[in-house]
Amino acid sequence: MKTFANDSIFDPMSMPFHKSVEKTTDSSCLQKLLIPFYDRKRTISVDEIVRLEGSGNYTNFFLKDGTKMLVSRTLKEYETLLDGQAFVRVHKSCIVNLGFVRKFYVKKEGELELTDGQQVKISRRRAQMFMDRIREFQPVAVS
């Protein structure tokens, strides 16, 4: 495995996670992910992620600036890696950041509207867990 100590974009506090995905945490900054994207790796702050959608062995990242990134890792890997307070798996193929939820529609099948205008369905099995998590969710103030 490569060591990245000499690279300026890598925080010395980063710890390896399943080959090419890393999680960087520091008490003075927000959580960041190191995402393999094409032939390089990109550092993404967790508060930039609106939602993640799984498609087989691939995961689509949807960021708040409108960027969409396809990564060859499963959604389950990212579910275990992301903060449990801000991210909720609402469907077998979708994880949302609670900070970007604009509306919740209670119908026969629950549905969310995110700040980017997208609508995401909530599975019946996960609806109660989502309701509990959104009630106790407190967004982090970024200074």
C-alpha atoms as a PDB file:
ATOM      1  CA  MET A   1       0.000   0.000   0.000  1.00  0.00           C
ATOM      2  CA  LYS A   2       1.265   3.481  -0.871  1.00  0.00           C
ATOM      3  CA  THR A   3       2.083   5.982   1.809  1.00  0.00           C
ATOM      4  CA  PHE A   4       0.869   9.494   1.186  1.00  0.00           C
ATOM      5  CA  ALA A   5       2.878  11.365   3.826  1.00  0.00           C
ATOM      6  CA  ASN A   6       4.759  13.480   1.268  1.00  0.00           C
ATOM      7  CA  ASP A   7       1.635  14.636  -0.566  1.00  0.00           C
ATOM      8  CA  SER A   8       0.338  18.032   0.518  1.00  0.00           C
ATOM      9  CA  ILE A   9      -3.372  17.245   0.017  1.00  0.00           C
ATOM     10  CA  PHE A  10      -3.347  14.404   2.528  1.00  0.00           C
ATOM     11  CA  ASP A  11      -3.796  15.145   6.180  1.00  0.00           C
ATOM     12  CA  PRO A  12      -1.279  13.300   8.396  1.00  0.00           C
ATOM     13  CA  MET A  13      -4.227  12.333  10.623  1.00  0.00           C
ATOM     14  CA  SER A  14      -5.889  10.300   7.841  1.00  0.00           C
ATOM     15  CA  MET A  15      -6.326   6.627   8.413  1.00  0.00           C
ATOM     16  CA  PRO A  16      -6.550   4.016   5.652  1.00  0.00           C
ATOM     17  CA  PHE A  17      -9.954   2.586   4.813  1.00  0.00           C
ATOM     18  CA  HIS A  18     -10.462  -0.350   2.494  1.00  0.00           C
ATOM     19  CA  LYS A  19      -7.751   0.205  -0.094  1.00  0.00           C
ATOM     20  CA  SER A  20      -8.396   3.547  -1.838  1.00  0.00           C
ATOM     21  CA  VAL A  21     -11.057   5.155   0.349  1.00  0.00           C
ATOM     22  CA  GLU A  22      -9.908   7.118   3.354  1.00  0.00           C
ATOM     23  CA  LYS A  23     -11.611   9.006   6.127  1.00  0.00           C
ATOM     24  CA  THR A  24      -9.929  12.069   7.570  1.00  0.00           C
ATOM     25  CA  THR A  25     -10.981  13.361  10.962  1.00  0.00           C
ATOM     26  CA  ASP A  26      -9.532  16.046  13.122  1.00  0.00           C
ATOM     27  CA  SER A  27     -11.078  17.804  16.099  1.00  0.00           C
ATOM     28  CA  SER A  28     -10.539  21.199  14.452  1.00  0.00           C
ATOM     29  CA  CYS A  29     -12.112  20.392  11.061  1.00  0.00           C
ATOM     30  CA  LEU A  30     -15.075  18.595   9.577  1.00  0.00           C
ATOM     31  CA  GLN A  31     -14.913  15.008   8.392  1.00  0.00           C
ATOM     32  CA  LYS A  32     -13.532  14.520   4.879  1.00  0.00           C
ATOM     33  CA  LEU A  33     -13.502  11.596   2.483  1.00  0.00           C
ATOM     34  CA  LEU A  34     -10.810  10.734  -0.006  1.00  0.00           C
ATOM     35  CA  ILE A  35     -12.687   9.488  -3.058  1.00  0.00           C
ATOM     36  CA  PRO A  36     -11.059   7.622  -5.972  1.00  0.00           C
ATOM     37  CA  PHE A  37     -12.285   9.517  -9.038  1.00  0.00           C
ATOM     38  CA  TYR A  38     -10.918   8.603 -12.477  1.00  0.00           C
ATOM     39  CA  ASP A  39      -7.110   8.412 -12.258  1.00  0.00           C
ATOM     40  CA  ARG A  40      -6.717  10.513  -9.094  1.00  0.00           C
ATOM     41  CA  LYS A  41      -8.244  10.922  -5.661  1.00  0.00           C
ATOM     42  CA  ARG A  42     -10.421  13.837  -4.621  1.00  0.00           C
ATOM     43  CA  THR A  43     -10.930  15.102  -1.073  1.00  0.00           C
ATOM     44  CA  ILE A  44     -14.563  15.887  -0.296  1.00  0.00           C
ATOM     45  CA  SER A  45     -15.925  17.413   2.872  1.00  0.00           C
ATOM     46  CA  VAL A  46     -18.843  15.381   4.207  1.00  0.00           C
ATOM     47  CA  ASP A  47     -21.024  18.498   4.466  1.00  0.00           C
ATOM     48  CA  GLU A  48     -20.843  18.849   0.638  1.00  0.00           C
ATOM     49  CA  ILE A  49     -22.561  15.500   0.020  1.00  0.00           C
ATOM     50  CA  VAL A  50     -26.310  15.804  -0.635  1.00  0.00           C
ATOM     51  CA  ARG A  51     -26.960  12.125  -1.309  1.00  0.00           C
ATOM     52  CA  LEU A  52     -25.401   8.876  -2.457  1.00  0.00           C
ATOM     53  CA  GLU A  53     -27.091   6.435  -4.818  1.00  0.00           C
ATOM     54  CA  GLY A  54     -25.965   2.868  -5.258  1.00  0.00           C
ATOM     55  CA  SER A  55     -26.032   0.935  -8.486  1.00  0.00           C
ATOM     56  CA  GLY A  56     -24.540  -2.512  -8.101  1.00  0.00           C
ATOM     57  CA  ASN A  57     -20.870  -2.161  -7.218  1.00  0.00           C
ATOM     58  CA  TYR A  58     -20.880   1.573  -7.978  1.00  0.00           C
ATOM     59  CA  THR A  59     -21.925   4.629  -5.983  1.00  0.00           C
ATOM     60  CA  ASN A  60     -22.992   7.997  -7.379  1.00  0.00           C
ATOM     61  CA  PHE A  61     -22.114  10.988  -5.208  1.00  0.00           C
ATOM     62  CA  PHE A  62     -24.334  14.051  -5.641  1.00  0.00           C
ATOM     63  CA  LEU A  63     -22.666  17.171  -4.225  1.00  0.00           C
ATOM     64  CA  LYS A  64     -24.267  20.490  -3.277  1.00  0.00           C
ATOM     65  CA  ASP A  65     -22.514  22.320  -6.128  1.00  0.00           C
ATOM     66  CA  GLY A  66     -24.277  20.038  -8.635  1.00  0.00           C
ATOM     67  CA  THR A  67     -21.303  17.749  -9.267  1.00  0.00           C
ATOM     68  CA  LYS A  68     -22.042  14.075  -9.814  1.00  0.00           C
ATOM     69  CA  MET A  69     -19.255  11.545  -9.264  1.00  0.00           C
ATOM     70  CA  LEU A  70     -19.330   7.828 -10.033  1.00  0.00           C
ATOM     71  CA  VAL A  71     -17.109   5.740  -7.743  1.00  0.00           C
ATOM     72  CA  SER A  72     -16.450   2.011  -8.027  1.00  0.00           C
ATOM     73  CA  ARG A  73     -17.290   1.192  -4.407  1.00  0.00           C
ATOM     74  CA  THR A  74     -20.513  -0.160  -2.936  1.00  0.00           C
ATOM     75  CA  LEU A  75     -23.041   1.940  -1.058  1.00  0.00           C
ATOM     76  CA  LYS A  76     -22.598  -0.294   1.989  1.00  0.00           C
ATOM     77  CA  GLU A  77     -18.935   0.728   2.299  1.00  0.00           C
ATOM     78  CA  TYR A  78     -19.908   4.381   2.439  1.00  0.00           C
ATOM     79  CA  GLU A  79     -22.800   3.717   4.811  1.00  0.00           C
ATOM     80  CA  THR A  80     -20.397   2.352   7.411  1.00  0.00           C
ATOM     81  CA  LEU A  81     -17.927   5.164   6.802  1.00  0.00           C
ATOM     82  CA  LEU A  82     -20.245   8.189   6.970  1.00  0.00           C
ATOM     83  CA  ASP A  83     -21.392   9.840  10.164  1.00  0.00           C
ATOM     84  CA  GLY A  84     -24.477   8.124  11.519  1.00  0.00           C
ATOM     85  CA  GLN A  85     -25.986  11.373  12.801  1.00  0.00           C
ATOM     86  CA  ALA A  86     -26.170  13.266   9.501  1.00  0.00           C
ATOM     87  CA  PHE A  87     -26.620  10.430   6.991  1.00  0.00           C
ATOM     88  CA  VAL A  88     -29.551   8.015   6.805  1.00  0.00           C
ATOM     89  CA  ARG A  89     -30.150   5.158   4.425  1.00  0.00           C
ATOM     90  CA  VAL A  90     -33.719   5.735   3.262  1.00  0.00           C
ATOM     91  CA  HIS A  91     -33.817   3.090   0.555  1.00  0.00           C
ATOM     92  CA  LYS A  92     -31.713   0.112  -0.436  1.00  0.00           C
ATOM     93  CA  SER A  93     -30.075   2.252  -3.097  1.00  0.00           C
ATOM     94  CA  CYS A  94     -29.982   5.702  -1.453  1.00  0.00           C
ATOM     95  CA  ILE A  95     -28.356   7.482   1.502  1.00  0.00           C
ATOM     96  CA  VAL A  96     -29.299  11.114   2.174  1.00  0.00           C
ATOM     97  CA  ASN A  97     -27.679  13.869   4.198  1.00  0.00           C
ATOM     98  CA  LEU A  98     -30.329  15.124   6.651  1.00  0.00           C
ATOM     99  CA  GLY A  99     -28.911  18.631   6.379  1.00  0.00           C
ATOM    100  CA  PHE A 100     -30.186  18.840   2.792  1.00  0.00           C
ATOM    101  CA  VAL A 101     -33.756  17.604   3.378  1.00  0.00           C
ATOM    102  CA  ARG A 102     -36.225  20.358   2.468  1.00  0.00           C
ATOM    103  CA  LYS A 103     -39.589  18.573   2.733  1.00  0.00           C
ATOM    104  CA  PHE A 104     -40.960  15.212   3.755  1.00  0.00           C
ATOM    105  CA  TYR A 105     -44.157  14.073   2.064  1.00  0.00           C
ATOM    106  CA  VAL A 106     -46.236  11.561   3.990  1.00  0.00           C
ATOM    107  CA  LYS A 107     -48.139   9.466   1.476  1.00  0.00           C
ATOM    108  CA  LYS A 108     -48.758   5.800   1.016  1.00  0.00           C
ATOM    109  CA  GLU A 109     -45.030   5.713   0.281  1.00  0.00           C
ATOM    110  CA  GLY A 110     -42.899   8.393   1.937  1.00  0.00           C
ATOM    111  CA  GLU A 111     -40.962  10.796  -0.222  1.00  0.00           C
ATOM    112  CA  LEU A 112     -38.318  13.438   0.460  1.00  0.00           C
ATOM    113  CA  GLU A 113     -37.533  16.616  -1.386  1.00  0.00           C
ATOM    114  CA  LEU A 114     -33.906  17.675  -1.162  1.00  0.00           C
ATOM    115  CA  THR A 115     -32.508  21.200  -1.467  1.00  0.00           C
ATOM    116  CA  ASP A 116     -31.244  20.424  -4.988  1.00  0.00           C
ATOM    117  CA  GLY A 117     -34.865  19.778  -6.058  1.00  0.00           C
ATOM    118  CA  GLN A 118     -34.548  16.009  -6.356  1.00  0.00           C
ATOM    119  CA  GLN A 119     -37.195  13.738  -4.873  1.00  0.00           C
ATOM    120  CA  VAL A 120     -36.204  10.509  -3.150  1.00  0.00           C
ATOM    121  CA  LYS A 121     -38.519   7.699  -2.101  1.00  0.00           C
ATOM    122  CA  ILE A 122     -38.320   6.220   1.378  1.00  0.00           C
ATOM    123  CA  SER A 123     -38.909   2.509   1.735  1.00  0.00           C
ATOM    124  CA  ARG A 124     -41.665   1.456   4.136  1.00  0.00           C
ATOM    125  CA  ARG A 125     -39.162  -0.529   6.200  1.00  0.00           C
ATOM    126  CA  ARG A 126     -36.923   2.489   6.771  1.00  0.00           C
ATOM    127  CA  ALA A 127     -39.605   5.171   7.191  1.00  0.00           C
ATOM    128  CA  GLN A 128     -39.876   4.963  10.984  1.00  0.00           C
ATOM    129  CA  MET A 129     -36.106   5.052  11.435  1.00  0.00           C
ATOM    130  CA  PHE A 130     -35.956   8.117   9.178  1.00  0.00           C
ATOM    131  CA  MET A 131     -38.685   9.862  11.182  1.00  0.00           C
ATOM    132  CA  ASP A 132     -36.827   9.206  14.443  1.00  0.00           C
ATOM    133  CA  ARG A 133     -33.526  10.424  13.036  1.00  0.00           C
ATOM    134  CA  ILE A 134     -34.930  13.611  11.475  1.00  0.00           C
ATOM    135  CA  ARG A 135     -36.575  14.545  14.803  1.00  0.00           C
ATOM    136  CA  GLU A 136     -33.307  14.277  16.726  1.00  0.00           C
ATOM    137  CA  PHE A 137     -31.116  15.744  13.969  1.00  0.00           C
ATOM    138  CA  GLN A 138     -29.408  19.033  14.760  1.00  0.00           C
ATOM    139  CA  PRO A 139     -27.433  20.571  11.919  1.00  0.00           C
ATOM    140  CA  VAL A 140     -23.832  21.523  12.660  1.00  0.00           C
ATOM    141  CA  ALA A 141     -23.165  25.245  12.437  1.00  0.00           C
ATOM    142  CA  VAL A 142     -20.214  25.938  10.157  1.00  0.00           C
ATOM    143  CA  SER A 143     -18.225  29.022  11.075  1.00  0.00           C
END
